[in-house]
Amino acid sequence: MLKENIKTIRKSKGLSQEELAIKLNVVRQTISKWEQGLSVPDADMLISISEVFETPVSTLLGETVVEAKADDLKAISEKLEVINLQLAHRKTARQKAIHWLFILLCAVIVAVFAVLIILNSPYLGWDYSHPEPAVAGVVFHAFEWLFVRIAPLALIGAFVGVFLTRKKV
């Protein structure tokens, strides 16, 4: 039903697949796949399509609009509750992932600092008369120089990120 509705409404609005694709920031082949039923747009894209067509999403999905009754309102509220729970779960999962990424960033920065301290700039004792060690020494020194100056700021930022993304009880 969705594929026919997209095609019918698009044609009734006088839009080609290419024009609709430009308005939705997708390629023309995506529109073609939707209209052939080979794929379906996600929820965000359905909203964008409905805005371009100036048509409710329910119409795109083939739902006929009827007056809401008390039972219908209850069903709608239950659906909205489920959607809200899913969105809350998704937000929590995203926050947890970001939290662990900040923790990982802190651990990596501390580990690289530990390695640099243990190695104690070994390139200073290299024989720079050959081009390979000279280039490697310069690259290693440049990395160390940049890391020592940037890493403390990144570490502070990562600590702040860990603090801000922690699970609030």
N, C-alpha and C. Protein backbone atom coordinates (compact mmCIF):
# COMPACT_ATOMS: atom_id res chain seq x y z
N MET A 1 0.84 -1.19 0.00
CA MET A 1 0.00 0.00 0.00
C MET A 1 0.89 1.25 0.00
N LEU A 2 1.97 1.24 0.79
CA LEU A 2 2.84 2.41 0.88
C LEU A 2 3.44 2.75 -0.48
N LYS A 3 3.88 1.72 -1.20
CA LYS A 3 4.54 1.98 -2.49
C LYS A 3 3.59 2.67 -3.47
N GLU A 4 2.32 2.21 -3.51
CA GLU A 4 1.36 2.83 -4.41
C GLU A 4 1.05 4.26 -3.97
N ASN A 5 0.94 4.47 -2.68
CA ASN A 5 0.61 5.80 -2.17
C ASN A 5 1.72 6.80 -2.49
N ILE A 6 2.97 6.39 -2.30
CA ILE A 6 4.08 7.30 -2.61
C ILE A 6 4.05 7.68 -4.09
N LYS A 7 3.87 6.68 -4.94
CA LYS A 7 3.86 6.92 -6.38
C LYS A 7 2.68 7.80 -6.79
N THR A 8 1.50 7.48 -6.27
CA THR A 8 0.29 8.22 -6.63
C THR A 8 0.37 9.67 -6.17
N ILE A 9 0.76 9.87 -4.92
CA ILE A 9 0.83 11.24 -4.38
C ILE A 9 1.92 12.03 -5.09
N ARG A 10 3.06 11.37 -5.36
CA ARG A 10 4.15 12.05 -6.07
C ARG A 10 3.66 12.55 -7.43
N LYS A 11 2.97 11.68 -8.16
CA LYS A 11 2.48 12.07 -9.48
C LYS A 11 1.40 13.14 -9.39
N SER A 12 0.55 13.03 -8.36
CA SER A 12 -0.51 14.04 -8.22
C SER A 12 0.07 15.42 -7.87
N LYS A 13 1.22 15.44 -7.23
CA LYS A 13 1.89 16.71 -6.92
C LYS A 13 2.73 17.19 -8.09
N GLY A 14 2.81 16.38 -9.17
CA GLY A 14 3.57 16.78 -10.35
C GLY A 14 5.07 16.69 -10.16
N LEU A 15 5.51 15.79 -9.31
CA LEU A 15 6.94 15.63 -9.05
C LEU A 15 7.47 14.39 -9.75
N SER A 16 8.66 14.50 -10.31
CA SER A 16 9.34 13.32 -10.84
C SER A 16 10.07 12.65 -9.69
N GLN A 17 10.55 11.43 -9.94
CA GLN A 17 11.32 10.74 -8.90
C GLN A 17 12.57 11.55 -8.56
N GLU A 18 13.19 12.13 -9.56
CA GLU A 18 14.41 12.93 -9.35
C GLU A 18 14.12 14.15 -8.48
N GLU A 19 13.02 14.85 -8.76
CA GLU A 19 12.67 16.05 -7.99
C GLU A 19 12.36 15.69 -6.54
N LEU A 20 11.63 14.59 -6.35
CA LEU A 20 11.34 14.16 -4.98
C LEU A 20 12.62 13.76 -4.26
N ALA A 21 13.51 13.07 -4.97
CA ALA A 21 14.79 12.65 -4.38
C ALA A 21 15.60 13.86 -3.92
N ILE A 22 15.60 14.92 -4.73
CA ILE A 22 16.35 16.13 -4.36
C ILE A 22 15.75 16.76 -3.11
N LYS A 23 14.42 16.82 -3.04
CA LYS A 23 13.77 17.43 -1.88
C LYS A 23 14.02 16.62 -0.60
N LEU A 24 14.22 15.30 -0.74
CA LEU A 24 14.43 14.44 0.43
C LEU A 24 15.90 14.15 0.70
N ASN A 25 16.79 14.69 -0.15
CA ASN A 25 18.23 14.46 -0.02
C ASN A 25 18.59 12.98 -0.10
N VAL A 26 17.99 12.30 -1.06
CA VAL A 26 18.32 10.91 -1.35
C VAL A 26 18.56 10.79 -2.85
N VAL A 27 19.00 9.63 -3.30
CA VAL A 27 19.19 9.42 -4.73
C VAL A 27 17.89 8.95 -5.36
N ARG A 28 17.76 9.15 -6.67
CA ARG A 28 16.54 8.78 -7.37
C ARG A 28 16.24 7.29 -7.23
N GLN A 29 17.29 6.47 -7.18
CA GLN A 29 17.09 5.02 -7.08
C GLN A 29 16.38 4.65 -5.79
N THR A 30 16.57 5.43 -4.75
CA THR A 30 15.88 5.17 -3.48
C THR A 30 14.38 5.33 -3.66
N ILE A 31 13.98 6.40 -4.34
CA ILE A 31 12.55 6.62 -4.61
C ILE A 31 11.99 5.47 -5.44
N SER A 32 12.75 5.06 -6.44
CA SER A 32 12.33 3.96 -7.30
C SER A 32 12.14 2.67 -6.49
N LYS A 33 13.06 2.39 -5.58
CA LYS A 33 12.95 1.19 -4.74
C LYS A 33 11.72 1.26 -3.86
N TRP A 34 11.42 2.44 -3.32
CA TRP A 34 10.22 2.57 -2.48
C TRP A 34 8.97 2.30 -3.32
N GLU A 35 8.94 2.85 -4.51
CA GLU A 35 7.75 2.72 -5.35
C GLU A 35 7.59 1.31 -5.92
N GLN A 36 8.68 0.56 -6.00
CA GLN A 36 8.61 -0.82 -6.46
C GLN A 36 8.39 -1.79 -5.30
N GLY A 37 8.46 -1.28 -4.08
CA GLY A 37 8.28 -2.14 -2.91
C GLY A 37 9.52 -2.94 -2.55
N LEU A 38 10.70 -2.56 -3.09
CA LEU A 38 11.94 -3.27 -2.79
C LEU A 38 12.52 -2.84 -1.45
N SER A 39 12.15 -1.66 -1.01
CA SER A 39 12.56 -1.18 0.32
C SER A 39 11.50 -0.21 0.80
N VAL A 40 11.60 0.14 2.07
CA VAL A 40 10.65 1.08 2.65
C VAL A 40 11.42 2.18 3.38
N PRO A 41 10.89 3.38 3.40
CA PRO A 41 11.57 4.46 4.12
C PRO A 41 11.45 4.25 5.62
N ASP A 42 12.47 4.74 6.36
CA ASP A 42 12.39 4.64 7.82
C ASP A 42 11.43 5.71 8.35
N ALA A 43 11.23 5.70 9.67
CA ALA A 43 10.24 6.59 10.28
C ALA A 43 10.57 8.06 10.03
N ASP A 44 11.83 8.43 10.18
CA ASP A 44 12.20 9.83 9.96
C ASP A 44 11.96 10.23 8.51
N MET A 45 12.26 9.32 7.58
CA MET A 45 12.06 9.62 6.18
C MET A 45 10.57 9.71 5.86
N LEU A 46 9.74 8.88 6.50
CA LEU A 46 8.29 8.97 6.29
C LEU A 46 7.77 10.35 6.68
N ILE A 47 8.30 10.88 7.76
CA ILE A 47 7.91 12.22 8.20
C ILE A 47 8.33 13.25 7.16
N SER A 48 9.55 13.10 6.64
CA SER A 48 10.03 14.04 5.61
C SER A 48 9.18 13.95 4.35
N ILE A 49 8.82 12.73 3.96
CA ILE A 49 7.98 12.55 2.77
C ILE A 49 6.62 13.21 2.99
N SER A 50 6.06 13.00 4.19
CA SER A 50 4.74 13.59 4.46
C SER A 50 4.81 15.11 4.44
N GLU A 51 5.93 15.69 4.87
CA GLU A 51 6.08 17.14 4.84
C GLU A 51 6.19 17.64 3.40
N VAL A 52 6.95 16.92 2.56
CA VAL A 52 7.08 17.32 1.16
C VAL A 52 5.74 17.22 0.45
N PHE A 53 5.01 16.12 0.71
CA PHE A 53 3.72 15.92 0.07
C PHE A 53 2.60 16.70 0.74
N GLU A 54 2.87 17.28 1.89
CA GLU A 54 1.85 17.98 2.70
C GLU A 54 0.67 17.04 2.95
N THR A 55 1.02 15.82 3.36
CA THR A 55 0.05 14.76 3.60
C THR A 55 0.41 14.08 4.91
N PRO A 56 -0.56 13.70 5.72
CA PRO A 56 -0.24 12.99 6.96
C PRO A 56 0.43 11.64 6.68
N VAL A 57 1.28 11.22 7.60
CA VAL A 57 1.95 9.93 7.47
C VAL A 57 0.92 8.81 7.40
N SER A 58 -0.15 8.94 8.16
CA SER A 58 -1.18 7.90 8.15
C SER A 58 -1.76 7.71 6.75
N THR A 59 -1.88 8.78 5.98
CA THR A 59 -2.37 8.67 4.61
C THR A 59 -1.35 7.95 3.75
N LEU A 60 -0.07 8.25 3.95
CA LEU A 60 0.98 7.54 3.20
C LEU A 60 0.92 6.04 3.47
N LEU A 61 0.65 5.70 4.71
CA LEU A 61 0.62 4.29 5.10
C LEU A 61 -0.70 3.62 4.72
N GLY A 62 -1.64 4.40 4.19
CA GLY A 62 -2.89 3.82 3.72
C GLY A 62 -3.97 3.77 4.76
N GLU A 63 -3.78 4.42 5.87
CA GLU A 63 -4.76 4.41 6.94
C GLU A 63 -5.84 5.44 6.63
N THR A 64 -7.07 5.06 6.77
CA THR A 64 -8.15 6.02 6.58
C THR A 64 -8.38 6.74 7.90
N VAL A 65 -8.60 8.01 7.80
CA VAL A 65 -8.77 8.83 8.99
C VAL A 65 -10.25 8.82 9.38
N VAL A 66 -10.50 8.40 10.59
CA VAL A 66 -11.87 8.37 11.12
C VAL A 66 -11.89 9.16 12.41
N GLU A 67 -13.08 9.51 12.84
CA GLU A 67 -13.19 10.24 14.09
C GLU A 67 -12.71 9.37 15.23
N ALA A 68 -11.99 9.98 16.12
CA ALA A 68 -11.45 9.24 17.25
C ALA A 68 -12.52 8.99 18.29
N LYS A 69 -12.60 7.77 18.73
CA LYS A 69 -13.53 7.40 19.79
C LYS A 69 -12.70 7.17 21.05
N ALA A 70 -13.37 6.94 22.15
CA ALA A 70 -12.67 6.75 23.41
C ALA A 70 -11.73 5.55 23.34
N ASP A 71 -12.18 4.44 22.73
CA ASP A 71 -11.33 3.26 22.61
C ASP A 71 -10.14 3.54 21.69
N ASP A 72 -10.39 4.31 20.63
CA ASP A 72 -9.31 4.66 19.72
C ASP A 72 -8.27 5.51 20.42
N LEU A 73 -8.72 6.44 21.23
CA LEU A 73 -7.79 7.29 21.98
C LEU A 73 -6.96 6.46 22.95
N LYS A 74 -7.58 5.47 23.56
CA LYS A 74 -6.85 4.60 24.48
C LYS A 74 -5.78 3.81 23.71
N ALA A 75 -6.14 3.29 22.54
CA ALA A 75 -5.18 2.55 21.73
C ALA A 75 -4.04 3.45 21.28
N ILE A 76 -4.40 4.67 20.89
CA ILE A 76 -3.37 5.62 20.47
C ILE A 76 -2.44 5.96 21.63
N SER A 77 -3.00 6.17 22.80
CA SER A 77 -2.16 6.50 23.95
C SER A 77 -1.25 5.33 24.32
N GLU A 78 -1.75 4.10 24.16
CA GLU A 78 -0.90 2.93 24.44
C GLU A 78 0.24 2.85 23.43
N LYS A 79 -0.06 3.12 22.15
CA LYS A 79 0.98 3.12 21.12
C LYS A 79 2.01 4.20 21.41
N LEU A 80 1.54 5.37 21.79
CA LEU A 80 2.46 6.46 22.11
C LEU A 80 3.34 6.11 23.31
N GLU A 81 2.74 5.43 24.28
CA GLU A 81 3.52 5.02 25.45
C GLU A 81 4.62 4.05 25.05
N VAL A 82 4.30 3.11 24.17
CA VAL A 82 5.31 2.16 23.69
C VAL A 82 6.41 2.90 22.94
N ILE A 83 6.02 3.84 22.08
CA ILE A 83 7.00 4.61 21.33
C ILE A 83 7.89 5.42 22.26
N ASN A 84 7.28 6.04 23.27
CA ASN A 84 8.07 6.81 24.24
C ASN A 84 9.05 5.93 24.99
N LEU A 85 8.62 4.72 25.35
CA LEU A 85 9.52 3.79 26.04
C LEU A 85 10.68 3.38 25.12
N GLN A 86 10.38 3.14 23.85
CA GLN A 86 11.43 2.78 22.90
C GLN A 86 12.42 3.93 22.73
N LEU A 87 11.91 5.14 22.62
CA LEU A 87 12.79 6.30 22.48
C LEU A 87 13.65 6.51 23.73
N ALA A 88 13.05 6.31 24.89
CA ALA A 88 13.81 6.43 26.14
C ALA A 88 14.90 5.37 26.22
N HIS A 89 14.56 4.14 25.80
CA HIS A 89 15.55 3.06 25.81
C HIS A 89 16.69 3.38 24.85
N ARG A 90 16.35 3.88 23.66
CA ARG A 90 17.37 4.22 22.67
C ARG A 90 18.28 5.33 23.20
N LYS A 91 17.68 6.33 23.86
CA LYS A 91 18.48 7.42 24.42
C LYS A 91 19.41 6.91 25.51
N THR A 92 18.90 6.02 26.35
CA THR A 92 19.72 5.45 27.42
C THR A 92 20.87 4.64 26.84
N ALA A 93 20.59 3.84 25.82
CA ALA A 93 21.64 3.02 25.19
C ALA A 93 22.70 3.91 24.55
N ARG A 94 22.27 4.97 23.89
CA ARG A 94 23.22 5.89 23.26
C ARG A 94 24.08 6.58 24.32
N GLN A 95 23.45 7.00 25.41
CA GLN A 95 24.19 7.67 26.48
C GLN A 95 25.21 6.71 27.10
N LYS A 96 24.81 5.45 27.27
CA LYS A 96 25.72 4.46 27.84
C LYS A 96 26.91 4.22 26.91
N ALA A 97 26.64 4.13 25.61
CA ALA A 97 27.72 3.92 24.65
C ALA A 97 28.70 5.09 24.65
N ILE A 98 28.18 6.29 24.67
CA ILE A 98 29.04 7.48 24.71
C ILE A 98 29.84 7.51 26.01
N HIS A 99 29.19 7.15 27.11
CA HIS A 99 29.88 7.10 28.41
C HIS A 99 31.09 6.16 28.34
N TRP A 100 30.90 4.96 27.77
CA TRP A 100 32.00 4.00 27.69
C TRP A 100 33.06 4.44 26.69
N LEU A 101 32.67 5.17 25.66
CA LEU A 101 33.66 5.71 24.74
C LEU A 101 34.56 6.73 25.43
N PHE A 102 33.96 7.56 26.29
CA PHE A 102 34.77 8.52 27.05
C PHE A 102 35.71 7.79 28.01
N ILE A 103 35.23 6.73 28.65
CA ILE A 103 36.08 5.95 29.55
C ILE A 103 37.22 5.32 28.76
N LEU A 104 36.91 4.77 27.58
CA LEU A 104 37.94 4.17 26.73
C LEU A 104 38.97 5.22 26.31
N LEU A 105 38.50 6.42 25.96
CA LEU A 105 39.42 7.50 25.58
C LEU A 105 40.36 7.84 26.74
N CYS A 106 39.83 7.92 27.95
CA CYS A 106 40.68 8.17 29.13
C CYS A 106 41.73 7.08 29.27
N ALA A 107 41.31 5.83 29.14
CA ALA A 107 42.25 4.71 29.30
C ALA A 107 43.33 4.73 28.22
N VAL A 108 42.96 5.04 26.99
CA VAL A 108 43.94 5.09 25.90
C VAL A 108 44.94 6.21 26.14
N ILE A 109 44.46 7.36 26.54
CA ILE A 109 45.38 8.49 26.79
C ILE A 109 46.35 8.15 27.92
N VAL A 110 45.84 7.58 29.00
CA VAL A 110 46.71 7.20 30.12
C VAL A 110 47.71 6.13 29.68
N ALA A 111 47.26 5.15 28.88
CA ALA A 111 48.16 4.09 28.42
C ALA A 111 49.26 4.65 27.52
N VAL A 112 48.91 5.56 26.62
CA VAL A 112 49.93 6.15 25.74
C VAL A 112 50.92 6.98 26.56
N PHE A 113 50.42 7.72 27.54
CA PHE A 113 51.33 8.46 28.42
C PHE A 113 52.27 7.50 29.15
N ALA A 114 51.74 6.39 29.63
CA ALA A 114 52.58 5.41 30.34
C ALA A 114 53.65 4.85 29.41
N VAL A 115 53.29 4.53 28.18
CA VAL A 115 54.26 4.01 27.22
C VAL A 115 55.33 5.06 26.93
N LEU A 116 54.92 6.31 26.75
CA LEU A 116 55.90 7.37 26.48
C LEU A 116 56.84 7.58 27.66
N ILE A 117 56.32 7.45 28.86
CA ILE A 117 57.17 7.61 30.05
C ILE A 117 58.15 6.45 30.16
N ILE A 118 57.65 5.23 29.90
CA ILE A 118 58.51 4.05 29.99
C ILE A 118 59.60 4.10 28.92
N LEU A 119 59.24 4.50 27.69
CA LEU A 119 60.23 4.54 26.60
C LEU A 119 61.23 5.67 26.78
N ASN A 120 60.83 6.75 27.45
CA ASN A 120 61.72 7.86 27.77
C ASN A 120 62.44 8.38 26.52
N SER A 121 61.70 8.67 25.47
CA SER A 121 62.22 9.25 24.23
C SER A 121 63.43 8.47 23.68
N PRO A 122 63.25 7.21 23.28
CA PRO A 122 64.38 6.41 22.82
C PRO A 122 65.01 6.93 21.54
N TYR A 123 64.28 7.72 20.77
CA TYR A 123 64.79 8.22 19.49
C TYR A 123 65.96 9.18 19.67
N LEU A 124 66.16 9.69 20.87
CA LEU A 124 67.25 10.64 21.10
C LEU A 124 68.61 9.96 20.95
N GLY A 125 68.67 8.65 21.16
CA GLY A 125 69.95 7.92 21.04
C GLY A 125 70.15 7.27 19.68
N TRP A 126 69.27 7.50 18.74
CA TRP A 126 69.38 6.86 17.43
C TRP A 126 70.48 7.52 16.58
N ASP A 127 70.97 6.76 15.61
CA ASP A 127 71.95 7.26 14.65
C ASP A 127 71.19 7.91 13.51
N TYR A 128 71.26 9.22 13.42
CA TYR A 128 70.49 9.97 12.42
C TYR A 128 71.25 10.16 11.11
N SER A 129 72.35 9.45 10.95
CA SER A 129 73.10 9.58 9.69
C SER A 129 72.42 8.81 8.55
N HIS A 130 71.54 7.87 8.88
CA HIS A 130 70.78 7.14 7.85
C HIS A 130 69.39 7.76 7.74
N PRO A 131 68.85 7.82 6.53
CA PRO A 131 67.57 8.51 6.35
C PRO A 131 66.38 7.85 7.05
N GLU A 132 66.34 6.50 7.11
CA GLU A 132 65.19 5.85 7.72
C GLU A 132 65.04 6.18 9.20
N PRO A 133 66.11 6.01 9.99
CA PRO A 133 65.96 6.37 11.41
C PRO A 133 65.73 7.87 11.61
N ALA A 134 66.28 8.69 10.70
CA ALA A 134 66.08 10.12 10.83
C ALA A 134 64.61 10.48 10.65
N VAL A 135 63.97 9.91 9.62
CA VAL A 135 62.55 10.18 9.38
C VAL A 135 61.71 9.61 10.52
N ALA A 136 61.99 8.37 10.93
CA ALA A 136 61.23 7.75 12.02
C ALA A 136 61.38 8.55 13.31
N GLY A 137 62.60 9.03 13.57
CA GLY A 137 62.83 9.82 14.78
C GLY A 137 62.06 11.12 14.76
N VAL A 138 62.04 11.78 13.62
CA VAL A 138 61.30 13.04 13.50
C VAL A 138 59.80 12.80 13.67
N VAL A 139 59.28 11.73 13.06
CA VAL A 139 57.86 11.41 13.17
C VAL A 139 57.51 11.08 14.63
N PHE A 140 58.33 10.26 15.26
CA PHE A 140 58.08 9.89 16.65
C PHE A 140 58.14 11.11 17.56
N HIS A 141 59.14 11.98 17.33
CA HIS A 141 59.27 13.19 18.13
C HIS A 141 58.06 14.12 17.93
N ALA A 142 57.61 14.25 16.67
CA ALA A 142 56.45 15.11 16.39
C ALA A 142 55.20 14.56 17.08
N PHE A 143 55.00 13.23 17.01
CA PHE A 143 53.86 12.62 17.69
C PHE A 143 53.93 12.88 19.19
N GLU A 144 55.10 12.63 19.77
CA GLU A 144 55.27 12.82 21.21
C GLU A 144 55.03 14.29 21.60
N TRP A 145 55.58 15.21 20.81
CA TRP A 145 55.44 16.62 21.10
C TRP A 145 53.97 17.04 21.07
N LEU A 146 53.25 16.63 20.00
CA LEU A 146 51.83 16.97 19.89
C LEU A 146 51.00 16.28 20.98
N PHE A 147 51.28 15.01 21.22
CA PHE A 147 50.50 14.25 22.19
C PHE A 147 50.62 14.85 23.58
N VAL A 148 51.84 15.21 23.98
CA VAL A 148 52.06 15.76 25.32
C VAL A 148 51.33 17.09 25.50
N ARG A 149 51.13 17.83 24.43
CA ARG A 149 50.45 19.12 24.53
C ARG A 149 48.92 19.01 24.41
N ILE A 150 48.45 18.05 23.59
CA ILE A 150 47.01 17.94 23.35
C ILE A 150 46.32 16.97 24.30
N ALA A 151 47.02 15.89 24.67
CA ALA A 151 46.41 14.83 25.48
C ALA A 151 45.86 15.32 26.82
N PRO A 152 46.54 16.21 27.55
CA PRO A 152 45.93 16.66 28.82
C PRO A 152 44.57 17.32 28.63
N LEU A 153 44.43 18.12 27.57
CA LEU A 153 43.14 18.74 27.29
C LEU A 153 42.10 17.68 26.92
N ALA A 154 42.51 16.71 26.10
CA ALA A 154 41.60 15.64 25.72
C ALA A 154 41.21 14.80 26.93
N LEU A 155 42.17 14.57 27.84
CA LEU A 155 41.89 13.79 29.04
C LEU A 155 40.90 14.53 29.94
N ILE A 156 41.09 15.83 30.10
CA ILE A 156 40.14 16.62 30.89
C ILE A 156 38.76 16.58 30.24
N GLY A 157 38.73 16.74 28.92
CA GLY A 157 37.45 16.67 28.19
C GLY A 157 36.79 15.30 28.35
N ALA A 158 37.59 14.24 28.31
CA ALA A 158 37.05 12.89 28.46
C ALA A 158 36.52 12.68 29.88
N PHE A 159 37.23 13.19 30.89
CA PHE A 159 36.74 13.08 32.27
C PHE A 159 35.42 13.83 32.43
N VAL A 160 35.34 15.01 31.85
CA VAL A 160 34.08 15.77 31.90
C VAL A 160 32.98 14.99 31.19
N GLY A 161 33.31 14.39 30.03
CA GLY A 161 32.35 13.57 29.31
C GLY A 161 31.87 12.38 30.12
N VAL A 162 32.79 11.72 30.81
CA VAL A 162 32.42 10.58 31.68
C VAL A 162 31.47 11.07 32.76
N PHE A 163 31.78 12.21 33.34
CA PHE A 163 30.94 12.76 34.42
C PHE A 163 29.56 13.13 33.90
N LEU A 164 29.50 13.78 32.73
CA LEU A 164 28.22 14.25 32.21
C LEU A 164 27.33 13.14 31.67
N THR A 165 27.95 12.02 31.24
CA THR A 165 27.16 10.93 30.66
C THR A 165 26.92 9.79 31.63
N ARG A 166 27.29 9.95 32.87
CA ARG A 166 27.07 8.88 33.84
C ARG A 166 25.58 8.68 34.05
N LYS A 167 25.24 7.48 34.48
CA LYS A 167 23.82 7.18 34.71
C LYS A 167 23.39 7.85 36.00
N LYS A 168 22.35 8.63 35.89
CA LYS A 168 21.85 9.34 37.06
C LYS A 168 20.83 8.46 37.76
N VAL A 169 21.00 8.32 39.06
CA VAL A 169 20.11 7.44 39.83
C VAL A 169 18.98 8.22 40.42
